[in-house]
Each structure stands twice: as C-alpha cells, then as structure tokens.
Amino acid sequence: MAFSNRFFDRVEKKTNVNKETILGLAKKLQDTDLKNEGSLREVIQTLSQVTGRNVTKEQEDKIISAVVNDKVPKNIDKMI
C-alpha cells in the first residue's frame, strides 16, 4: 500500500511524528506478530512514547483485544 506525502503530512500535523519515524514503526510492525500480546504491548508502548501520549492499562487492553480479534478498521486513511 503506497501512501502519499499528503497522508504523512496529515499524520505529522495530528501527531507530531515525522515520516521517517512512521516508516520505522511500520517496518517494526511488519516484523511483529500482531497476535502476540507481548509484542503488541511493546508496539503500543513505543507508539505512546513517540507520540507523547499516555496509554492506560485499560486502553492498552482494549487495543490488544481489538487487534487480536480483528476489530481494527482496514482503511486507516479515513481515521486520520
């Protein structure tokens, strides 16, 4: 899936995370087993640190549940 610079600009504007960081995180996600709870927690904590947003244990649990149970929207472009 190819994303345009416009997409990255929109993400950076909302999150203050630059394109290079986003691509690095995407690479990490490609190499991660997203059905593994430990791996997901690590990714969530990394995203929390990069974006400067605190994620509570409850929020983390909800995110993990959504990912493991395939409840994540497929078109993330519409979410941003």
N, C-alpha and C. Protein backbone atom coordinates (compact mmCIF):
# COMPACT_ATOMS: atom_id res chain seq x y z
N MET A 1 0.85 -1.17 0.00
CA MET A 1 0.00 0.00 0.00
C MET A 1 0.90 1.23 0.00
N ALA A 2 0.76 2.08 -0.97
CA ALA A 2 1.56 3.28 -1.07
C ALA A 2 0.79 4.47 -0.50
N PHE A 3 1.45 5.20 0.36
CA PHE A 3 0.84 6.38 0.95
C PHE A 3 1.48 7.62 0.33
N SER A 4 0.69 8.63 0.12
CA SER A 4 1.21 9.87 -0.45
C SER A 4 1.83 10.73 0.65
N ASN A 5 2.61 11.70 0.21
CA ASN A 5 3.18 12.64 1.17
C ASN A 5 2.08 13.39 1.90
N ARG A 6 0.96 13.59 1.23
CA ARG A 6 -0.18 14.27 1.86
C ARG A 6 -0.65 13.50 3.10
N PHE A 7 -0.70 12.19 2.96
CA PHE A 7 -1.09 11.35 4.10
C PHE A 7 -0.11 11.56 5.26
N PHE A 8 1.18 11.49 4.97
CA PHE A 8 2.19 11.66 6.02
C PHE A 8 2.12 13.06 6.63
N ASP A 9 1.86 14.05 5.80
CA ASP A 9 1.71 15.42 6.31
C ASP A 9 0.55 15.52 7.29
N ARG A 10 -0.55 14.87 6.96
CA ARG A 10 -1.74 14.88 7.84
C ARG A 10 -1.45 14.17 9.16
N VAL A 11 -0.76 13.05 9.07
CA VAL A 11 -0.42 12.31 10.29
C VAL A 11 0.54 13.14 11.14
N GLU A 12 1.54 13.72 10.52
CA GLU A 12 2.51 14.51 11.27
C GLU A 12 1.84 15.71 11.94
N LYS A 13 0.92 16.35 11.23
CA LYS A 13 0.23 17.50 11.79
C LYS A 13 -0.57 17.11 13.04
N LYS A 14 -1.21 15.94 13.00
CA LYS A 14 -2.03 15.49 14.14
C LYS A 14 -1.21 14.90 15.27
N THR A 15 -0.08 14.28 14.96
CA THR A 15 0.66 13.53 15.98
C THR A 15 2.04 14.08 16.31
N ASN A 16 2.56 14.98 15.49
CA ASN A 16 3.93 15.48 15.63
C ASN A 16 4.97 14.37 15.45
N VAL A 17 4.62 13.35 14.68
CA VAL A 17 5.53 12.25 14.38
C VAL A 17 5.87 12.34 12.90
N ASN A 18 7.18 12.41 12.58
CA ASN A 18 7.58 12.62 11.19
C ASN A 18 7.53 11.34 10.36
N LYS A 19 7.65 11.52 9.07
CA LYS A 19 7.52 10.42 8.10
C LYS A 19 8.54 9.31 8.37
N GLU A 20 9.77 9.66 8.68
CA GLU A 20 10.81 8.67 8.90
C GLU A 20 10.47 7.80 10.11
N THR A 21 9.96 8.41 11.16
CA THR A 21 9.57 7.66 12.36
C THR A 21 8.40 6.74 12.04
N ILE A 22 7.44 7.25 11.28
CA ILE A 22 6.28 6.45 10.89
C ILE A 22 6.74 5.23 10.08
N LEU A 23 7.62 5.45 9.12
CA LEU A 23 8.11 4.34 8.30
C LEU A 23 8.90 3.34 9.13
N GLY A 24 9.66 3.82 10.10
CA GLY A 24 10.39 2.93 11.00
C GLY A 24 9.44 2.08 11.83
N LEU A 25 8.38 2.71 12.32
CA LEU A 25 7.37 1.97 13.09
C LEU A 25 6.66 0.95 12.20
N ALA A 26 6.38 1.33 10.96
CA ALA A 26 5.73 0.42 10.02
C ALA A 26 6.61 -0.81 9.79
N LYS A 27 7.90 -0.61 9.64
CA LYS A 27 8.84 -1.71 9.46
C LYS A 27 8.81 -2.63 10.68
N LYS A 28 8.81 -2.02 11.86
CA LYS A 28 8.76 -2.80 13.10
C LYS A 28 7.47 -3.63 13.15
N LEU A 29 6.36 -3.02 12.73
CA LEU A 29 5.08 -3.73 12.73
C LEU A 29 5.11 -4.92 11.77
N GLN A 30 5.76 -4.74 10.63
CA GLN A 30 5.85 -5.83 9.65
C GLN A 30 6.59 -7.03 10.23
N ASP A 31 7.53 -6.75 11.12
CA ASP A 31 8.35 -7.81 11.70
C ASP A 31 7.78 -8.33 13.01
N THR A 32 6.59 -7.88 13.39
CA THR A 32 6.00 -8.24 14.68
C THR A 32 4.78 -9.13 14.49
N ASP A 33 4.67 -10.12 15.36
CA ASP A 33 3.49 -10.98 15.38
C ASP A 33 2.38 -10.24 16.11
N LEU A 34 1.42 -9.71 15.37
CA LEU A 34 0.37 -8.89 15.96
C LEU A 34 -0.67 -9.70 16.71
N LYS A 35 -0.54 -11.00 16.74
CA LYS A 35 -1.43 -11.83 17.56
C LYS A 35 -0.78 -12.16 18.90
N ASN A 36 0.47 -11.72 19.08
CA ASN A 36 1.20 -11.96 20.31
C ASN A 36 1.02 -10.77 21.24
N GLU A 37 0.42 -10.99 22.40
CA GLU A 37 0.10 -9.91 23.32
C GLU A 37 1.33 -9.13 23.77
N GLY A 38 2.41 -9.83 24.04
CA GLY A 38 3.64 -9.17 24.48
C GLY A 38 4.18 -8.24 23.40
N SER A 39 4.17 -8.70 22.16
CA SER A 39 4.64 -7.88 21.04
C SER A 39 3.76 -6.66 20.86
N LEU A 40 2.46 -6.85 21.00
CA LEU A 40 1.53 -5.73 20.86
C LEU A 40 1.75 -4.69 21.95
N ARG A 41 1.95 -5.14 23.17
CA ARG A 41 2.20 -4.20 24.28
C ARG A 41 3.45 -3.38 24.01
N GLU A 42 4.47 -4.02 23.46
CA GLU A 42 5.72 -3.32 23.14
C GLU A 42 5.47 -2.25 22.07
N VAL A 43 4.71 -2.59 21.04
CA VAL A 43 4.39 -1.64 19.98
C VAL A 43 3.57 -0.48 20.54
N ILE A 44 2.59 -0.77 21.36
CA ILE A 44 1.75 0.28 21.95
C ILE A 44 2.58 1.21 22.82
N GLN A 45 3.49 0.66 23.60
CA GLN A 45 4.36 1.49 24.44
C GLN A 45 5.29 2.35 23.60
N THR A 46 5.79 1.79 22.52
CA THR A 46 6.65 2.57 21.61
C THR A 46 5.86 3.73 21.00
N LEU A 47 4.66 3.44 20.52
CA LEU A 47 3.81 4.49 19.95
C LEU A 47 3.47 5.55 20.99
N SER A 48 3.22 5.12 22.20
CA SER A 48 2.92 6.06 23.28
C SER A 48 4.08 7.01 23.51
N GLN A 49 5.29 6.47 23.53
CA GLN A 49 6.48 7.29 23.73
C GLN A 49 6.71 8.25 22.57
N VAL A 50 6.57 7.75 21.35
CA VAL A 50 6.83 8.56 20.17
C VAL A 50 5.84 9.71 20.06
N THR A 51 4.58 9.45 20.38
CA THR A 51 3.55 10.48 20.26
C THR A 51 3.41 11.34 21.50
N GLY A 52 4.04 10.92 22.59
CA GLY A 52 3.94 11.68 23.83
C GLY A 52 2.57 11.58 24.49
N ARG A 53 1.86 10.51 24.19
CA ARG A 53 0.53 10.30 24.77
C ARG A 53 0.56 9.12 25.72
N ASN A 54 -0.02 9.33 26.88
CA ASN A 54 -0.09 8.27 27.87
C ASN A 54 -1.20 7.28 27.51
N VAL A 55 -0.90 6.01 27.61
CA VAL A 55 -1.89 4.97 27.36
C VAL A 55 -2.05 4.18 28.66
N THR A 56 -3.26 4.19 29.19
CA THR A 56 -3.52 3.47 30.43
C THR A 56 -3.53 1.97 30.17
N LYS A 57 -3.44 1.19 31.23
CA LYS A 57 -3.51 -0.26 31.12
C LYS A 57 -4.85 -0.67 30.50
N GLU A 58 -5.93 0.00 30.89
CA GLU A 58 -7.25 -0.31 30.34
C GLU A 58 -7.29 -0.04 28.83
N GLN A 59 -6.74 1.10 28.40
CA GLN A 59 -6.71 1.42 26.98
C GLN A 59 -5.86 0.41 26.22
N GLU A 60 -4.73 0.05 26.81
CA GLU A 60 -3.84 -0.93 26.18
C GLU A 60 -4.57 -2.26 26.00
N ASP A 61 -5.29 -2.69 27.03
CA ASP A 61 -6.05 -3.94 26.95
C ASP A 61 -7.10 -3.89 25.85
N LYS A 62 -7.78 -2.75 25.71
CA LYS A 62 -8.80 -2.59 24.67
C LYS A 62 -8.17 -2.64 23.28
N ILE A 63 -7.04 -2.00 23.12
CA ILE A 63 -6.34 -2.01 21.83
C ILE A 63 -5.93 -3.43 21.48
N ILE A 64 -5.35 -4.13 22.43
CA ILE A 64 -4.91 -5.50 22.20
C ILE A 64 -6.09 -6.39 21.82
N SER A 65 -7.18 -6.25 22.54
CA SER A 65 -8.38 -7.03 22.24
C SER A 65 -8.87 -6.75 20.82
N ALA A 66 -8.89 -5.49 20.42
CA ALA A 66 -9.34 -5.12 19.08
C ALA A 66 -8.44 -5.72 18.01
N VAL A 67 -7.14 -5.65 18.22
CA VAL A 67 -6.20 -6.17 17.21
C VAL A 67 -6.28 -7.69 17.13
N VAL A 68 -6.24 -8.35 18.27
CA VAL A 68 -6.26 -9.81 18.29
C VAL A 68 -7.55 -10.37 17.70
N ASN A 69 -8.66 -9.65 17.92
CA ASN A 69 -9.96 -10.12 17.44
C ASN A 69 -10.36 -9.50 16.10
N ASP A 70 -9.38 -8.93 15.39
CA ASP A 70 -9.59 -8.35 14.06
C ASP A 70 -10.72 -7.32 14.03
N LYS A 71 -10.74 -6.44 15.01
CA LYS A 71 -11.76 -5.40 15.10
C LYS A 71 -11.20 -4.02 14.71
N VAL A 72 -10.04 -4.01 14.07
CA VAL A 72 -9.40 -2.76 13.66
C VAL A 72 -9.85 -2.42 12.25
N PRO A 73 -10.28 -1.17 12.02
CA PRO A 73 -10.70 -0.77 10.66
C PRO A 73 -9.57 -0.98 9.66
N LYS A 74 -9.92 -1.43 8.48
CA LYS A 74 -8.92 -1.70 7.44
C LYS A 74 -8.46 -0.44 6.73
N ASN A 75 -9.29 0.60 6.69
CA ASN A 75 -8.95 1.83 5.98
C ASN A 75 -8.54 2.91 7.00
N ILE A 76 -7.27 2.90 7.40
CA ILE A 76 -6.82 3.86 8.40
C ILE A 76 -6.77 5.30 7.87
N ASP A 77 -6.73 5.46 6.57
CA ASP A 77 -6.69 6.81 5.98
C ASP A 77 -7.92 7.62 6.41
N LYS A 78 -9.06 6.96 6.55
CA LYS A 78 -10.29 7.65 6.95
C LYS A 78 -10.29 8.01 8.42
N MET A 79 -9.43 7.38 9.21
CA MET A 79 -9.37 7.65 10.64
C MET A 79 -8.58 8.92 10.93
N ILE A 80 -7.78 9.36 9.96
CA ILE A 80 -6.89 10.49 10.21
C ILE A 80 -7.43 11.75 9.59
